Amino acid sequence: MQSMNWNELRDFLVVAQAGQYARAAAKLGVDPATVGRRLRKLEQALGCALFEQTRDGQQLTEAGERLLAQIE
């Protein structure tokens, strides 16, 4: 977890709870593009996808569920 930072982990947690980039961005007071950029950076650092895009928003992958359990 060396290349991750608090903003990336916080954004991951808020998206996991909110289920959508837009809702998470509103809670965080940032643009949805910023949330998406931070999550892509986190996924690159981990080498796996954390969310799947669904019709309703973002859904955790198995890797996302494992990370969520670690940081909660």
C-alpha atoms as a PDB file:
ATOM      1  CA  MET A   1       0.000   0.000   0.000  1.00  0.00           C
ATOM      2  CA  GLN A   2       2.978   2.312  -0.388  1.00  0.00           C
ATOM      3  CA  SER A   3       1.797   4.265  -3.433  1.00  0.00           C
ATOM      4  CA  MET A   4      -1.723   4.830  -2.107  1.00  0.00           C
ATOM      5  CA  ASN A   5      -2.678   7.943  -0.251  1.00  0.00           C
ATOM      6  CA  TRP A   6      -5.435   8.894   2.119  1.00  0.00           C
ATOM      7  CA  ASN A   7      -7.477  10.710  -0.560  1.00  0.00           C
ATOM      8  CA  GLU A   8      -7.579   7.576  -2.712  1.00  0.00           C
ATOM      9  CA  LEU A   9      -8.601   5.332   0.184  1.00  0.00           C
ATOM     10  CA  ARG A  10     -11.159   7.835   1.474  1.00  0.00           C
ATOM     11  CA  ASP A  11     -12.662   8.194  -2.000  1.00  0.00           C
ATOM     12  CA  PHE A  12     -12.780   4.408  -2.379  1.00  0.00           C
ATOM     13  CA  LEU A  13     -14.618   4.097   0.932  1.00  0.00           C
ATOM     14  CA  VAL A  14     -17.139   6.827   0.094  1.00  0.00           C
ATOM     15  CA  VAL A  15     -17.847   5.371  -3.373  1.00  0.00           C
ATOM     16  CA  ALA A  16     -18.263   1.916  -1.843  1.00  0.00           C
ATOM     17  CA  GLN A  17     -20.818   3.354   0.579  1.00  0.00           C
ATOM     18  CA  ALA A  18     -22.573   5.681  -1.892  1.00  0.00           C
ATOM     19  CA  GLY A  19     -22.573   3.318  -4.864  1.00  0.00           C
ATOM     20  CA  GLN A  20     -21.992   6.097  -7.416  1.00  0.00           C
ATOM     21  CA  TYR A  21     -19.134   8.440  -8.296  1.00  0.00           C
ATOM     22  CA  ALA A  22     -21.502  11.428  -8.469  1.00  0.00           C
ATOM     23  CA  ARG A  23     -23.005  10.829  -5.009  1.00  0.00           C
ATOM     24  CA  ALA A  24     -19.564  10.201  -3.540  1.00  0.00           C
ATOM     25  CA  ALA A  25     -18.192  13.357  -5.164  1.00  0.00           C
ATOM     26  CA  ALA A  26     -21.033  15.417  -3.693  1.00  0.00           C
ATOM     27  CA  LYS A  27     -20.275  14.047  -0.217  1.00  0.00           C
ATOM     28  CA  LEU A  28     -16.557  14.731  -0.668  1.00  0.00           C
ATOM     29  CA  GLY A  29     -17.041  18.197  -2.166  1.00  0.00           C
ATOM     30  CA  VAL A  30     -15.047  17.378  -5.301  1.00  0.00           C
ATOM     31  CA  ASP A  31     -15.779  16.782  -8.974  1.00  0.00           C
ATOM     32  CA  PRO A  32     -16.799  13.241 -10.026  1.00  0.00           C
ATOM     33  CA  ALA A  33     -13.845  13.235 -12.447  1.00  0.00           C
ATOM     34  CA  THR A  34     -11.507  13.723  -9.480  1.00  0.00           C
ATOM     35  CA  VAL A  35     -13.038  10.730  -7.724  1.00  0.00           C
ATOM     36  CA  GLY A  36     -12.683   8.634 -10.862  1.00  0.00           C
ATOM     37  CA  ARG A  37      -9.063   9.702 -11.352  1.00  0.00           C
ATOM     38  CA  ARG A  38      -8.135   8.858  -7.767  1.00  0.00           C
ATOM     39  CA  LEU A  39      -9.803   5.463  -7.994  1.00  0.00           C
ATOM     40  CA  ARG A  40      -8.042   4.634 -11.268  1.00  0.00           C
ATOM     41  CA  LYS A  41      -4.749   5.537  -9.597  1.00  0.00           C
ATOM     42  CA  LEU A  42      -5.590   3.283  -6.646  1.00  0.00           C
ATOM     43  CA  GLU A  43      -6.557   0.432  -8.974  1.00  0.00           C
ATOM     44  CA  GLN A  44      -3.274   0.848 -10.867  1.00  0.00           C
ATOM     45  CA  ALA A  45      -1.316   0.725  -7.618  1.00  0.00           C
ATOM     46  CA  LEU A  46      -3.119  -2.459  -6.590  1.00  0.00           C
ATOM     47  CA  GLY A  47      -3.113  -4.002 -10.044  1.00  0.00           C
ATOM     48  CA  CYS A  48      -6.809  -4.871  -9.985  1.00  0.00           C
ATOM     49  CA  ALA A  49     -10.264  -3.415 -10.569  1.00  0.00           C
ATOM     50  CA  LEU A  50     -12.117  -2.394  -7.426  1.00  0.00           C
ATOM     51  CA  PHE A  51     -15.455  -1.520  -9.014  1.00  0.00           C
ATOM     52  CA  GLU A  52     -17.561  -2.695 -11.919  1.00  0.00           C
ATOM     53  CA  GLN A  53     -19.702  -0.148 -13.734  1.00  0.00           C
ATOM     54  CA  THR A  54     -23.364  -1.118 -13.639  1.00  0.00           C
ATOM     55  CA  ARG A  55     -26.491   0.578 -14.926  1.00  0.00           C
ATOM     56  CA  ASP A  56     -27.085   1.941 -11.421  1.00  0.00           C
ATOM     57  CA  GLY A  57     -23.536   2.980 -10.573  1.00  0.00           C
ATOM     58  CA  GLN A  58     -20.469   1.277  -9.184  1.00  0.00           C
ATOM     59  CA  GLN A  59     -20.478  -2.199  -7.670  1.00  0.00           C
ATOM     60  CA  LEU A  60     -17.556  -3.637  -5.729  1.00  0.00           C
ATOM     61  CA  THR A  61     -15.541  -6.433  -7.290  1.00  0.00           C
ATOM     62  CA  GLU A  62     -14.183  -9.235  -5.101  1.00  0.00           C
ATOM     63  CA  ALA A  63     -10.918  -7.275  -4.807  1.00  0.00           C
ATOM     64  CA  GLY A  64     -12.926  -4.187  -3.828  1.00  0.00           C
ATOM     65  CA  GLU A  65     -14.754  -6.137  -1.150  1.00  0.00           C
ATOM     66  CA  ARG A  66     -11.439  -7.381   0.273  1.00  0.00           C
ATOM     67  CA  LEU A  67     -10.013  -3.841   0.372  1.00  0.00           C
ATOM     68  CA  LEU A  68     -13.175  -2.520   1.990  1.00  0.00           C
ATOM     69  CA  ALA A  69     -12.915  -5.145   4.725  1.00  0.00           C
ATOM     70  CA  GLN A  70      -9.289  -4.147   5.347  1.00  0.00           C
ATOM     71  CA  ILE A  71      -9.887  -0.412   5.669  1.00  0.00           C
ATOM     72  CA  GLU A  72     -13.208  -0.331   7.525  1.00  0.00           C
END
